[in-house]
Protein backbone atom coordinates (compact mmCIF):
# COMPACT_ATOMS: atom_id res chain seq x y z
CA MET A 1 4.95 7.53 -5.32
CA CYS A 2 6.62 5.66 -2.68
CA ARG A 3 7.78 1.98 -4.06
CA ASN A 4 6.36 0.07 -1.11
CA ILE A 5 2.57 1.14 -1.37
CA ARG A 6 0.93 -2.10 -3.55
CA THR A 7 -2.18 -2.10 -5.31
CA LEU A 8 -5.03 -2.82 -3.38
CA ALA A 9 -7.78 -2.71 -5.89
CA ASN A 10 -9.35 -5.47 -7.24
CA PHE A 11 -8.44 -8.57 -5.16
CA ALA A 12 -9.83 -11.42 -3.78
CA PRO A 13 -9.22 -11.59 -0.69
CA PRO A 14 -10.23 -7.73 -0.69
CA ALA A 15 -7.30 -5.63 0.97
CA THR A 16 -7.75 -6.26 4.93
CA ASP A 17 -7.51 -3.18 7.11
CA ARG A 18 -3.56 -4.09 7.94
CA GLU A 19 -2.67 -3.15 4.35
CA ILE A 20 -4.74 -0.05 4.11
CA ARG A 21 -3.07 1.13 7.02
CA ASP A 22 0.06 0.46 6.05
CA ALA A 23 -0.17 2.56 2.85
CA ALA A 24 -1.63 5.39 4.83
CA LEU A 25 1.34 5.25 6.39
CA GLN A 26 4.13 4.89 3.43
CA PHE A 27 2.56 7.77 2.00
CA VAL A 28 2.20 9.77 4.85
CA ARG A 29 6.01 8.94 5.14
CA LYS A 30 6.85 10.03 2.09
CA ILE A 31 5.02 13.52 2.63
CA ALA A 32 5.96 14.11 5.64
CA GLY A 33 9.33 13.58 4.48
CA THR A 34 10.37 11.42 7.65
CA THR A 35 9.81 7.64 8.47
CA ARG A 36 8.91 9.32 12.80
CA PRO A 37 7.35 12.52 13.31
CA SER A 38 9.14 14.63 16.52
CA LYS A 39 6.82 14.36 19.84
CA ALA A 40 5.39 17.57 18.66
CA ASN A 41 4.20 16.38 15.42
CA GLU A 42 2.44 12.61 16.42
CA ALA A 43 -0.40 13.76 16.79
CA VAL A 44 -0.93 15.26 13.26
CA PHE A 45 0.87 12.27 12.07
CA ALA A 46 -1.40 9.86 13.42
CA ARG A 47 -4.72 11.95 12.45
CA ALA A 48 -3.21 12.53 8.66
CA VAL A 49 -2.85 8.09 8.51
CA ASP A 50 -6.05 7.73 9.86
CA ASP A 51 -8.32 10.17 7.48
CA ILE A 52 -6.16 8.86 4.70
CA ALA A 53 -6.87 5.07 5.66
CA HIS A 54 -10.48 6.06 6.16
CA THR A 55 -10.68 7.75 2.64
CA VAL A 56 -9.20 4.32 1.16
CA HIS A 57 -11.66 2.56 2.74
CA HIS A 58 -14.08 4.17 0.94
CA LEU A 59 -12.11 3.95 -2.48
CA LEU A 60 -12.08 0.51 -2.47
CA GLU A 61 -15.60 0.20 -1.66
CA ASP A 62 -17.21 2.64 -4.29
CA LEU A 63 -13.93 1.70 -6.90
CA VAL A 64 -16.47 -0.61 -10.05
CA THR A 65 -14.35 -2.93 -12.85
CA ALA A 66 -15.62 -5.40 -14.50
CA ALA A 67 -12.13 -6.64 -14.58
CA PRO A 68 -12.09 -10.30 -12.89
CA PRO A 69 -10.57 -9.82 -8.93
CA ARG A 70 -7.02 -10.67 -8.84
CA ASP A 71 -5.40 -13.31 -7.28
CA ARG A 72 -2.33 -12.78 -4.19
CA ALA A 73 -0.62 -15.37 -5.22
CA VAL A 74 -0.34 -14.70 -9.09
CA GLU A 75 0.62 -10.97 -8.46
CA ALA A 76 3.18 -12.03 -5.78
CA GLU A 77 4.80 -14.27 -8.51
CA LYS A 78 4.17 -11.86 -11.21
CA ALA A 79 6.26 -9.39 -9.14
CA LYS A 80 8.85 -11.63 -8.04
CA VAL A 81 9.34 -12.32 -11.81
CA LYS A 82 9.64 -8.65 -12.62
CA SER A 83 12.15 -7.71 -9.61
CA ALA A 84 14.27 -10.58 -10.53
CA ARG A 85 14.55 -9.74 -14.36
CA ARG A 86 15.04 -6.12 -12.85
CA PHE A 87 18.14 -6.40 -10.06
CA GLY A 88 18.73 -9.82 -11.28
CA THR A 89 18.89 -12.61 -8.96
CA ALA A 90 21.30 -12.81 -5.38
CA ALA A 91 24.02 -15.97 -5.24
CA ARG A 92 23.43 -17.36 -2.08
């Protein structure tokens, strides 16, 4: 899976349409092996992004969990700490 695709389930507030579309775009780019389709494939590429985003909307609406919703700020901080541990902090 692409590293740029983030977990979107069980957040308060819920994932936005933009976040879902961005994840769908990253997924299609990964599967297609390109960041920008040729002119001949633009329509197919765009349709795939639309279809996947639509499916993800339904998935996120239908998922059931007993866990409390995650806080975006807390999760972002956890990711920051994990990244710093993995790659070290850059000196500026």
